[in-house]
């Protein structure tokens, strides 16, 4: 089949998240005229989703710009669109290196209603952070002694803690319980059920950028709104879930006059679209669930195996609004420590009865003048997925009882609740990607590899793959998603003009 010109080629992008929007922007700017995004839902943004709790703007999905510095394309766009406050855009803010873990001012509460002081919690935090740093060193050097991060940290705690706190044996039980809370916190950071599922050798792939993490005062969706304003109004086709992508397709395309197209997109409603190229940006969770039917012919085995090996977990938020705060004025994060959890385990034994134990604590939304008294709770894993099946009154009751136990205040009553439900979102099927045991950078490369495969008879790039799972910038899913969309757009641009790398120069 003869290669159509860039201006005549039919290009469809599956998914209107930041990856798909970024790819469309880049292609349109380089002279591709027939570019459309097919979106399953009625909205743009994907896992960027801003909601409201009363009068307060809250982030249901992506929360921060991690590593807000010049190397971060999301930060650069936010600055160009003037979506951040002056402090977040300052040179000083961009040079602070927090190593991926924000330096929040904490309050620690225990299940006996005690509040712990910095003299107890500070050394434990430092100890755990050193173990995390040690866990990241095997990616470059190899020789990891255990298959998972969870197993390694638990073994190191068992080996080092007795010596570290030999002069403080009276507090060793509460110290171990605090470490257990921090281990569960890492489940939220990685988006996994347990750190025993996160590969130790690949853990160091998480690359961080300098800059003190910042938020969008007007909501993360403001970034999507500004990006969408740069696209023609008819580019996105909403409410069209894709049933199957037929590639290596030899029949005539629909509504064409005998023209042959290599790809045909079949939607759930029966509608079809003929394409020269398709960029797939759907979440890895969706690919995992629909891998046997989403592509025809099926994906090559090595791509299927990488989809199966890679991890994709659930991390949900529970927002609570209060009349008055029970936390200190300068508090930015609240940790909950179960005093009976002295044996390290980041999962609960009975999900239905004890799911609430996986709720590790809360961020305090700041500044108070903007948000009032609002907390954002974090819960990951199967416990988080079970929480989604409960009614809001049930969740509110459980969280209220939890807070009353930990604060020792029987009158604490949140007045409003809002939660995310990413696992039961039919087009996300979870929150984000992690590198599971047995995975490596090769799996990421496999996910990103276009079809047909290199070396096959066809010279056409038929199906391309973008999205946060196809990019190594795991610590910021939005950052990685945007870069992957640009990468696949550039792949098509180069495909049509390999000499100059620019389509517009030849149109």
Protein backbone atom coordinates (compact mmCIF):
# COMPACT_ATOMS: atom_id res chain seq x y z
CA UNK A 1 0.00 0.00 0.00
CA UNK A 2 1.38 3.41 -0.96
CA UNK A 3 2.18 5.75 1.88
CA UNK A 4 -0.26 8.64 1.98
CA UNK A 5 1.05 12.13 2.60
CA UNK A 6 1.03 13.51 6.12
CA UNK A 7 -1.80 15.89 5.33
CA UNK A 8 -3.96 13.05 3.92
CA UNK A 9 -3.23 10.38 6.53
CA UNK A 10 -6.04 9.40 8.88
CA UNK A 11 -4.74 9.31 12.46
CA UNK A 12 -6.85 8.30 15.44
CA UNK A 13 -5.79 8.52 19.08
CA UNK A 14 -7.56 6.26 21.61
CA UNK A 15 -8.03 8.10 24.90
CA UNK A 16 -8.32 11.82 25.69
CA UNK A 17 -6.00 11.93 28.67
CA UNK A 18 -2.90 14.12 28.79
CA UNK A 19 -0.99 11.61 26.64
CA UNK A 20 -3.58 11.61 23.84
CA UNK A 21 -4.06 15.39 23.95
CA UNK A 22 -0.29 15.95 23.86
CA UNK A 23 0.09 13.65 20.85
CA UNK A 24 -2.75 15.41 19.00
CA UNK A 25 -1.29 18.85 19.70
CA UNK A 26 2.10 17.87 18.35
CA UNK A 27 0.75 16.21 15.21
CA UNK A 28 -1.55 19.09 14.33
CA UNK A 29 1.27 21.59 14.80
CA UNK A 30 3.39 19.57 12.36
CA UNK A 31 0.89 19.57 9.51
CA UNK A 32 -1.17 16.44 10.07
CA UNK A 33 -4.70 17.56 9.27
CA UNK A 34 -6.81 14.45 9.84
CA UNK A 35 -6.23 13.80 13.54
CA UNK A 36 -9.03 12.69 15.86
CA UNK A 37 -9.20 11.51 19.47
CA UNK A 38 -11.71 8.79 20.34
CA UNK A 39 -12.74 9.04 24.01
CA UNK A 40 -14.88 6.46 25.81
CA UNK A 41 -16.39 8.94 28.28
CA UNK A 42 -18.02 12.37 28.10
CA UNK A 43 -14.97 14.22 29.44
CA UNK A 44 -11.30 14.89 28.71
CA UNK A 45 -8.48 14.35 31.18
CA UNK A 46 -8.39 10.64 31.91
CA UNK A 47 -6.86 10.16 35.35
CA UNK A 48 -6.56 13.92 35.77
CA UNK A 49 -9.89 14.71 37.38
CA UNK A 50 -10.82 17.67 39.58
CA UNK A 51 -13.90 17.51 41.79
CA UNK A 52 -15.62 19.44 44.55
CA UNK A 53 -16.20 18.79 48.23
CA UNK A 54 -18.71 21.46 49.12
CA UNK A 55 -17.10 24.71 48.00
CA UNK A 56 -13.60 23.19 47.87
CA UNK A 57 -11.72 22.14 44.74
CA UNK A 58 -10.10 18.71 45.29
CA UNK A 59 -8.14 16.38 43.03
CA UNK A 60 -9.86 13.03 42.48
CA UNK A 61 -6.94 11.86 40.34
CA UNK A 62 -3.47 13.33 39.77
CA UNK A 63 -2.61 15.60 42.68
CA UNK A 64 0.81 17.23 42.47
CA UNK A 65 3.37 18.31 39.92
CA UNK A 66 6.23 16.12 41.12
CA UNK A 67 9.62 17.68 40.52
CA UNK A 68 8.43 21.12 39.32
CA UNK A 69 11.56 22.25 37.49
CA UNK A 70 12.55 23.18 33.94
CA UNK A 71 13.12 19.53 32.99
CA UNK A 72 9.47 18.72 33.75
CA UNK A 73 7.23 19.34 30.72
CA UNK A 74 4.06 19.46 32.85
CA UNK A 75 5.60 22.23 34.96
CA UNK A 76 6.68 24.14 31.85
CA UNK A 77 3.15 23.96 30.43
CA UNK A 78 1.64 25.04 33.76
CA UNK A 79 3.97 28.05 33.81
CA UNK A 80 3.18 28.92 30.19
CA UNK A 81 -0.53 28.81 30.97
CA UNK A 82 -0.01 30.80 34.21
CA UNK A 83 -1.76 28.11 36.29
CA UNK A 84 0.59 28.19 39.31
CA UNK A 85 1.24 30.70 42.07
CA UNK A 86 4.45 32.75 42.18
CA UNK A 87 6.01 30.65 44.94
CA UNK A 88 5.66 27.43 42.93
CA UNK A 89 7.24 29.05 39.86
CA UNK A 90 10.14 30.63 41.79
CA UNK A 91 13.73 29.64 41.09
CA UNK A 92 14.16 28.72 44.75
CA UNK A 93 11.25 26.27 44.64
CA UNK A 94 12.67 24.62 41.50
CA UNK A 95 16.08 23.91 43.04
CA UNK A 96 14.94 22.13 46.22
CA UNK A 97 15.65 18.40 45.86
CA UNK A 98 13.37 16.28 48.05
CA UNK A 99 14.23 12.94 46.43
CA UNK A 100 10.60 12.19 45.64
CA UNK A 101 9.37 12.41 49.24
CA UNK A 102 7.89 15.78 50.28
CA UNK A 103 9.07 17.13 53.63
CA UNK A 104 5.65 17.47 55.25
CA UNK A 105 5.21 18.58 58.88
CA UNK A 106 3.56 15.51 60.49
CA UNK A 107 1.25 14.66 63.37
CA UNK A 108 1.36 11.04 64.54
CA UNK A 109 -1.65 9.45 66.29
CA UNK A 110 -1.80 5.90 67.69
CA UNK A 111 -4.63 3.42 68.13
CA UNK A 112 -4.59 4.01 71.91
CA UNK A 113 -5.40 7.70 71.38
CA UNK A 114 -1.85 8.92 71.96
CA UNK A 115 -0.11 11.64 70.01
CA UNK A 116 3.58 10.96 69.40
CA UNK A 117 6.25 13.65 69.46
CA UNK A 118 9.12 14.36 67.04
CA UNK A 119 11.66 12.83 69.41
CA UNK A 120 10.02 9.44 68.75
CA UNK A 121 9.00 9.69 65.13
CA UNK A 122 11.94 11.64 63.65
CA UNK A 123 14.59 8.90 63.97
CA UNK A 124 12.14 6.29 62.65
CA UNK A 125 11.42 8.40 59.55
CA UNK A 126 15.16 8.85 58.92
CA UNK A 127 15.78 5.13 59.36
CA UNK A 128 13.02 4.17 56.92
CA UNK A 129 14.09 6.74 54.31
CA UNK A 130 17.62 5.30 54.33
CA UNK A 131 16.17 1.84 53.66
CA UNK A 132 14.19 3.21 50.72
CA UNK A 133 17.32 4.83 49.30
CA UNK A 134 19.17 1.54 49.73
CA UNK A 135 16.33 -0.25 47.91
CA UNK A 136 16.88 1.97 44.85
CA UNK A 137 20.58 1.20 44.47
CA UNK A 138 20.22 -2.22 42.85
CA UNK A 139 18.84 -0.91 39.57
CA UNK A 140 22.22 0.39 38.43
CA UNK A 141 24.47 -2.17 40.12
CA UNK A 142 22.35 -5.32 40.08
CA UNK A 143 22.90 -8.11 42.58
CA UNK A 144 19.64 -7.61 44.44
CA UNK A 145 19.52 -10.10 47.36
CA UNK A 146 15.73 -10.51 47.33
CA UNK A 147 13.09 -10.28 44.58
CA UNK A 148 10.92 -7.50 46.04
CA UNK A 149 11.22 -4.18 47.83
CA UNK A 150 8.91 -5.35 50.61
CA UNK A 151 10.95 -8.45 51.37
CA UNK A 152 14.18 -6.44 51.33
CA UNK A 153 12.91 -3.72 53.68
CA UNK A 154 11.45 -6.24 56.12
CA UNK A 155 14.72 -8.19 56.16
CA UNK A 156 16.76 -5.01 56.69
CA UNK A 157 14.50 -3.86 59.53
CA UNK A 158 14.87 -7.22 61.23
CA UNK A 159 18.65 -7.05 60.80
CA UNK A 160 19.24 -3.40 61.72
CA UNK A 161 16.48 -2.33 64.12
CA UNK A 162 17.75 -4.20 67.22
CA UNK A 163 21.10 -2.41 67.00
CA UNK A 164 19.57 0.94 66.00
CA UNK A 165 17.31 1.04 69.05
CA UNK A 166 19.25 -1.11 71.54
CA UNK A 167 19.15 1.79 74.01
CA UNK A 168 15.41 2.25 73.57
CA UNK A 169 13.95 -1.23 73.95
CA UNK A 170 11.00 0.16 75.88
CA UNK A 171 9.72 1.80 72.68
CA UNK A 172 10.65 -0.93 70.18
CA UNK A 173 7.02 -2.06 69.77
CA UNK A 174 5.75 1.40 68.81
CA UNK A 175 8.79 1.90 66.56
CA UNK A 176 7.97 -1.28 64.64
CA UNK A 177 4.34 -0.20 64.35
CA UNK A 178 5.45 3.15 62.93
CA UNK A 179 7.65 1.42 60.37
CA UNK A 180 4.65 -0.68 59.39
CA UNK A 181 2.64 2.48 58.73
CA UNK A 182 5.45 3.79 56.52
CA UNK A 183 5.55 0.49 54.63
CA UNK A 184 1.81 0.84 53.93
CA UNK A 185 2.44 4.44 52.85
CA UNK A 186 4.84 3.15 50.20
CA UNK A 187 2.01 1.00 48.83
CA UNK A 188 0.16 4.26 48.13
CA UNK A 189 3.22 5.86 46.54
CA UNK A 190 3.81 2.86 44.27
CA UNK A 191 0.12 2.12 43.65
CA UNK A 192 0.43 -1.52 44.72
CA UNK A 193 -1.36 -3.95 47.02
CA UNK A 194 1.87 -4.82 48.80
CA UNK A 195 5.51 -3.84 48.44
CA UNK A 196 6.19 -7.58 48.17
CA UNK A 197 4.89 -7.23 44.59
CA UNK A 198 7.29 -4.40 43.63
CA UNK A 199 10.51 -5.59 42.00
CA UNK A 200 13.65 -4.67 43.94
CA UNK A 201 15.95 -4.66 40.92
CA UNK A 202 13.74 -2.23 39.02
CA UNK A 203 12.80 0.02 41.95
CA UNK A 204 15.58 2.48 41.15
CA UNK A 205 13.95 3.19 37.79
CA UNK A 206 11.88 5.81 39.61
CA UNK A 207 13.66 8.97 38.52
CA UNK A 208 12.94 12.15 40.43
CA UNK A 209 13.43 15.76 39.41
CA UNK A 210 14.34 18.66 41.68
CA UNK A 211 11.65 21.02 42.89
CA UNK A 212 9.25 21.17 45.81
CA UNK A 213 6.04 19.40 44.75
CA UNK A 214 3.26 21.88 44.01
CA UNK A 215 -0.45 21.87 43.19
CA UNK A 216 -2.72 23.71 40.78
CA UNK A 217 -4.63 26.30 42.85
CA UNK A 218 -7.52 26.17 40.38
CA UNK A 219 -7.43 22.40 39.89
CA UNK A 220 -5.33 20.05 37.73
CA UNK A 221 -8.07 19.99 35.09
CA UNK A 222 -7.10 23.58 34.31
CA UNK A 223 -4.08 22.12 32.51
CA UNK A 224 -6.36 19.90 30.42
CA UNK A 225 -8.70 22.82 29.67
CA UNK A 226 -5.85 24.95 28.35
CA UNK A 227 -4.42 22.10 26.27
CA UNK A 228 -7.86 21.38 24.81
CA UNK A 229 -8.29 25.04 23.80
CA UNK A 230 -5.36 24.58 21.42
CA UNK A 231 -7.19 21.80 19.54
CA UNK A 232 -9.94 22.32 16.94
CA UNK A 233 -13.38 21.76 18.48
CA UNK A 234 -14.23 18.73 16.36
CA UNK A 235 -11.05 16.77 17.12
CA UNK A 236 -12.46 14.74 20.04
CA UNK A 237 -15.21 12.16 19.52
CA UNK A 238 -16.73 11.61 22.98
CA UNK A 239 -18.77 8.71 24.38
CA UNK A 240 -17.31 6.18 21.95
CA UNK A 241 -15.75 3.22 23.82
CA UNK A 242 -13.53 1.19 21.49
CA UNK A 243 -14.34 -2.50 21.28
CA UNK A 244 -11.52 -3.68 19.03
CA UNK A 245 -8.65 -2.34 16.93
CA UNK A 246 -8.30 -4.39 13.74
CA UNK A 247 -4.78 -3.96 12.39
CA UNK A 248 -3.12 -5.43 9.29
CA UNK A 249 -6.57 -4.75 7.90
CA UNK A 250 -6.94 -5.31 4.16
CA UNK A 251 -10.60 -4.53 3.50
CA UNK A 252 -11.77 -1.16 2.23
CA UNK A 253 -12.38 1.38 4.95
CA UNK A 254 -15.91 2.48 5.83
CA UNK A 255 -17.29 5.49 3.93
CA UNK A 256 -14.40 5.35 1.46
CA UNK A 257 -14.32 4.92 -2.30
CA UNK A 258 -12.20 1.83 -2.57
CA UNK A 259 -9.33 3.25 -0.55
CA UNK A 260 -7.46 0.66 1.51
CA UNK A 261 -6.58 1.39 5.14
CA UNK A 262 -4.38 -0.81 7.34
CA UNK A 263 -6.38 -0.23 10.56
CA UNK A 264 -10.09 -0.31 11.37
CA UNK A 265 -11.37 0.84 14.77
CA UNK A 266 -14.56 -0.84 15.91
CA UNK A 267 -16.54 0.92 18.66
CA UNK A 268 -18.93 -0.69 21.13
CA UNK A 269 -21.89 1.04 19.45
CA UNK A 270 -20.99 -0.57 16.11
CA UNK A 271 -19.46 2.56 14.59
CA UNK A 272 -16.19 2.05 12.70
CA UNK A 273 -13.34 4.33 11.69
CA UNK A 274 -10.69 3.66 9.04
CA UNK A 275 -7.16 4.75 9.91
CA UNK A 276 -3.62 4.80 8.64
CA UNK A 277 -2.29 5.06 12.18
CA UNK A 278 -3.71 4.61 15.68
CA UNK A 279 -2.04 5.78 18.89
CA UNK A 280 -3.34 3.76 21.87
CA UNK A 281 -3.11 5.65 25.17
CA UNK A 282 -5.47 3.57 27.35
CA UNK A 283 -4.32 2.70 30.90
CA UNK A 284 -2.40 -0.50 31.51
CA UNK A 285 -5.23 -1.68 33.77
CA UNK A 286 -7.63 -1.55 30.83
CA UNK A 287 -5.19 -3.46 28.60
CA UNK A 288 -4.78 -6.12 31.28
CA UNK A 289 -8.53 -6.62 31.52
CA UNK A 290 -9.24 -6.57 27.77
CA UNK A 291 -5.98 -7.88 26.30
CA UNK A 292 -7.67 -10.89 24.65
CA UNK A 293 -10.26 -8.85 22.74
CA UNK A 294 -8.90 -5.32 22.32
CA UNK A 295 -6.63 -6.12 19.35
CA UNK A 296 -7.23 -8.28 16.27
CA UNK A 297 -5.04 -10.06 15.40
CA UNK A 298 -3.94 -10.44 19.04
CA UNK A 299 -0.86 -8.65 20.32
CA UNK A 300 2.45 -10.49 19.83
CA UNK A 301 3.28 -12.76 22.74
CA UNK A 302 6.15 -10.69 24.10
CA UNK A 303 3.89 -7.63 24.33
CA UNK A 304 1.15 -9.67 26.00
CA UNK A 305 3.63 -11.12 28.48
CA UNK A 306 4.90 -7.65 29.37
CA UNK A 307 1.32 -6.43 29.91
CA UNK A 308 0.77 -9.39 32.23
CA UNK A 309 4.07 -8.92 34.11
CA UNK A 310 3.82 -5.19 34.69
CA UNK A 311 2.03 -4.10 37.83
CA UNK A 312 -1.05 -1.89 37.91
CA UNK A 313 -2.64 -1.20 41.27
CA UNK A 314 -5.22 0.93 43.01
CA UNK A 315 -4.62 3.97 45.19
CA UNK A 316 -7.72 5.86 46.32
CA UNK A 317 -8.42 9.09 48.17
CA UNK A 318 -10.99 9.78 50.89
CA UNK A 319 -11.66 13.49 51.41
CA UNK A 320 -13.16 14.70 54.69
CA UNK A 321 -14.35 18.17 55.62
CA UNK A 322 -14.50 19.28 59.27
CA UNK A 323 -16.04 22.17 61.16
CA UNK A 324 -12.82 22.57 63.18
CA UNK A 325 -9.39 20.93 62.93
CA UNK A 326 -8.17 18.34 65.43
CA UNK A 327 -4.60 18.61 64.10
CA UNK A 328 -1.87 21.17 64.84
CA UNK A 329 -1.95 24.45 62.95
CA UNK A 330 1.33 23.74 61.12
CA UNK A 331 0.46 20.06 60.44
CA UNK A 332 0.62 18.99 56.78
CA UNK A 333 0.26 15.21 57.09
CA UNK A 334 -1.33 12.90 59.66
CA UNK A 335 -0.06 9.36 60.19
CA UNK A 336 -2.06 6.62 61.93
CA UNK A 337 -0.12 3.96 63.87
CA UNK A 338 -1.76 0.72 64.96
CA UNK A 339 0.07 -0.22 68.14
CA UNK A 340 -0.67 -3.94 67.73
CA UNK A 341 0.99 -4.04 64.26
CA UNK A 342 4.49 -4.82 65.48
CA UNK A 343 5.02 -7.55 62.89
CA UNK A 344 5.74 -5.92 59.52
CA UNK A 345 2.91 -6.61 57.06
CA UNK A 346 1.48 -4.08 54.61
CA UNK A 347 -1.74 -6.05 53.97
CA UNK A 348 -4.59 -6.98 56.29
CA UNK A 349 -5.60 -10.55 57.05
CA UNK A 350 -9.33 -9.97 56.57
CA UNK A 351 -10.14 -7.33 53.95
CA UNK A 352 -13.88 -7.13 54.70
CA UNK A 353 -13.45 -6.75 58.45
CA UNK A 354 -10.21 -4.75 58.60
CA UNK A 355 -9.91 -2.78 55.33
CA UNK A 356 -9.77 0.47 57.30
CA UNK A 357 -6.35 -0.51 58.69
CA UNK A 358 -4.83 0.12 55.26
CA UNK A 359 -5.81 3.81 55.48
CA UNK A 360 -2.39 5.12 56.46
CA UNK A 361 -3.31 8.74 57.18
CA UNK A 362 -4.18 12.06 55.63
CA UNK A 363 -2.75 15.09 53.91
CA UNK A 364 -3.99 18.41 55.26
CA UNK A 365 -5.10 20.54 52.32
CA UNK A 366 -3.30 23.87 52.47
CA UNK A 367 -3.70 26.81 52.66
CA UNK A 368 -6.55 26.82 55.14
CA UNK A 369 -7.83 30.12 53.70
CA UNK A 370 -8.54 28.30 50.42
CA UNK A 371 -9.68 24.88 51.61
CA UNK A 372 -11.04 25.34 55.10
CA UNK A 373 -10.49 22.22 57.23
CA UNK A 374 -10.18 19.39 54.70
CA UNK A 375 -8.17 16.15 54.89
CA UNK A 376 -7.25 13.80 52.04
CA UNK A 377 -6.86 10.19 53.19
CA UNK A 378 -4.85 7.58 51.28
CA UNK A 379 -5.58 3.87 50.93
CA UNK A 380 -4.08 1.38 48.46
CA UNK A 381 -4.44 -2.23 47.41
CA UNK A 382 -7.25 -4.75 47.66
CA UNK A 383 -8.45 -2.98 50.81
CA UNK A 384 -8.89 0.15 48.71
CA UNK A 385 -10.78 -1.79 46.06
CA UNK A 386 -13.09 -3.24 48.72
CA UNK A 387 -13.70 0.25 50.09
CA UNK A 388 -15.11 1.19 46.68
CA UNK A 389 -17.87 -1.40 47.05
CA UNK A 390 -19.19 0.19 50.26
CA UNK A 391 -21.74 2.98 50.37
CA UNK A 392 -20.60 6.48 51.29
CA UNK A 393 -22.42 6.33 54.66
CA UNK A 394 -20.59 3.07 55.45
CA UNK A 395 -17.21 4.60 54.57
CA UNK A 396 -18.01 7.75 56.54
CA UNK A 397 -18.99 5.70 59.59
CA UNK A 398 -15.79 3.62 59.45
CA UNK A 399 -13.52 6.64 59.03
CA UNK A 400 -15.32 8.56 61.79
CA UNK A 401 -14.87 5.69 64.24
CA UNK A 402 -11.22 5.40 63.21
CA UNK A 403 -10.53 9.07 63.93
CA UNK A 404 -12.32 8.94 67.27
CA UNK A 405 -10.19 5.98 68.34
CA UNK A 406 -6.89 7.54 67.24
CA UNK A 407 -7.51 11.01 68.62
CA UNK A 408 -9.27 9.88 71.78
CA UNK A 409 -12.00 12.38 70.97
CA UNK A 410 -15.45 10.68 70.82
CA UNK A 411 -17.13 13.74 69.30
CA UNK A 412 -15.08 14.13 66.10
CA UNK A 413 -17.51 14.07 63.17
CA UNK A 414 -16.60 14.86 59.55
CA UNK A 415 -19.43 16.83 57.96
CA UNK A 416 -18.74 15.80 54.33
CA UNK A 417 -17.01 12.95 52.51
CA UNK A 418 -15.88 12.43 48.91
CA UNK A 419 -13.86 9.46 47.65
CA UNK A 420 -12.30 8.23 44.43
CA UNK A 421 -13.17 4.83 42.95
CA UNK A 422 -10.48 4.15 40.35
CA UNK A 423 -10.65 0.35 40.39
CA UNK A 424 -14.32 0.30 39.39
CA UNK A 425 -13.82 2.96 36.73
CA UNK A 426 -14.43 0.81 33.62
CA UNK A 427 -11.83 2.64 31.52
CA UNK A 428 -9.06 2.85 34.13
CA UNK A 429 -9.41 -0.37 36.18
CA UNK A 430 -7.02 1.01 38.78
CA UNK A 431 -4.73 3.97 39.39
CA UNK A 432 -1.25 3.65 37.90
CA UNK A 433 1.65 1.43 36.92
CA UNK A 434 4.47 -0.02 39.00
CA UNK A 435 7.37 -2.29 38.06
CA UNK A 436 6.41 -5.65 39.52
CA UNK A 437 8.65 -8.56 40.47
CA UNK A 438 10.18 -10.10 37.37
CA UNK A 439 9.85 -6.88 35.35
CA UNK A 440 12.53 -4.69 33.84
CA UNK A 441 12.98 -1.81 31.46
CA UNK A 442 12.57 -4.28 28.61
CA UNK A 443 8.91 -4.66 29.52
CA UNK A 444 8.41 -0.91 29.22
CA UNK A 445 10.12 -1.01 25.84
CA UNK A 446 7.88 -3.90 24.79
CA UNK A 447 4.76 -1.95 25.74
CA UNK A 448 5.95 1.04 23.72
CA UNK A 449 6.91 -0.99 20.63
CA UNK A 450 4.65 -0.14 17.64
CA UNK A 451 2.92 -2.62 15.36
CA UNK A 452 3.73 -4.17 12.95
CA UNK A 453 6.98 -5.17 14.60
CA UNK A 454 10.32 -3.99 13.31
CA UNK A 455 11.54 -6.27 10.54
CA UNK A 456 8.09 -7.28 9.35
CA UNK A 457 7.08 -6.93 5.70
CA UNK A 458 4.92 -3.85 6.25
CA UNK A 459 6.63 -0.46 6.30
CA UNK A 460 3.66 1.25 7.89
CA UNK A 461 3.38 2.20 11.54
CA UNK A 462 -0.15 0.99 12.15
CA UNK A 463 -0.61 0.89 15.94
CA UNK A 464 1.50 2.96 18.33
CA UNK A 465 1.40 2.87 22.13
CA UNK A 466 1.62 5.74 24.60
CA UNK A 467 0.53 6.39 28.20
CA UNK A 468 2.33 6.41 31.53
CA UNK A 469 2.99 2.64 31.45
CA UNK A 470 5.08 3.03 28.28
CA UNK A 471 7.48 5.61 29.73
CA UNK A 472 10.20 5.25 32.36
CA UNK A 473 9.27 8.41 34.29
CA UNK A 474 7.24 6.44 36.79
CA UNK A 475 7.49 8.82 39.70
CA UNK A 476 5.24 11.28 37.92
CA UNK A 477 2.56 9.52 35.92
CA UNK A 478 1.37 12.75 34.27
CA UNK A 479 4.93 13.68 33.30
CA UNK A 480 5.53 10.23 31.78
CA UNK A 481 2.15 10.16 30.03
CA UNK A 482 2.73 13.54 28.37
CA UNK A 483 6.24 12.63 27.23
CA UNK A 484 5.01 9.32 25.80
CA UNK A 485 2.32 11.08 23.76
CA UNK A 486 4.91 13.46 22.35
CA UNK A 487 7.23 10.52 21.66
CA UNK A 488 4.67 8.65 19.54
CA UNK A 489 3.69 11.82 17.68
CA UNK A 490 7.37 12.37 16.91
CA UNK A 491 7.63 8.77 15.72
CA UNK A 492 4.94 9.48 13.12
CA UNK A 493 6.48 12.80 12.16
CA UNK A 494 9.82 11.11 11.54
CA UNK A 495 8.05 8.27 9.70
CA UNK A 496 6.88 10.74 7.04
CA UNK A 497 9.97 12.96 6.92
CA UNK A 498 12.94 10.95 8.21
CA UNK A 499 15.51 13.36 6.85
CA UNK A 500 14.30 16.57 8.50
CA UNK A 501 12.16 15.16 11.30
CA UNK A 502 9.54 17.75 10.43
CA UNK A 503 6.37 17.32 8.42
CA UNK A 504 5.54 20.98 7.96
CA UNK A 505 8.74 21.66 6.04
CA UNK A 506 7.55 19.39 3.20
CA UNK A 507 3.92 20.43 2.97
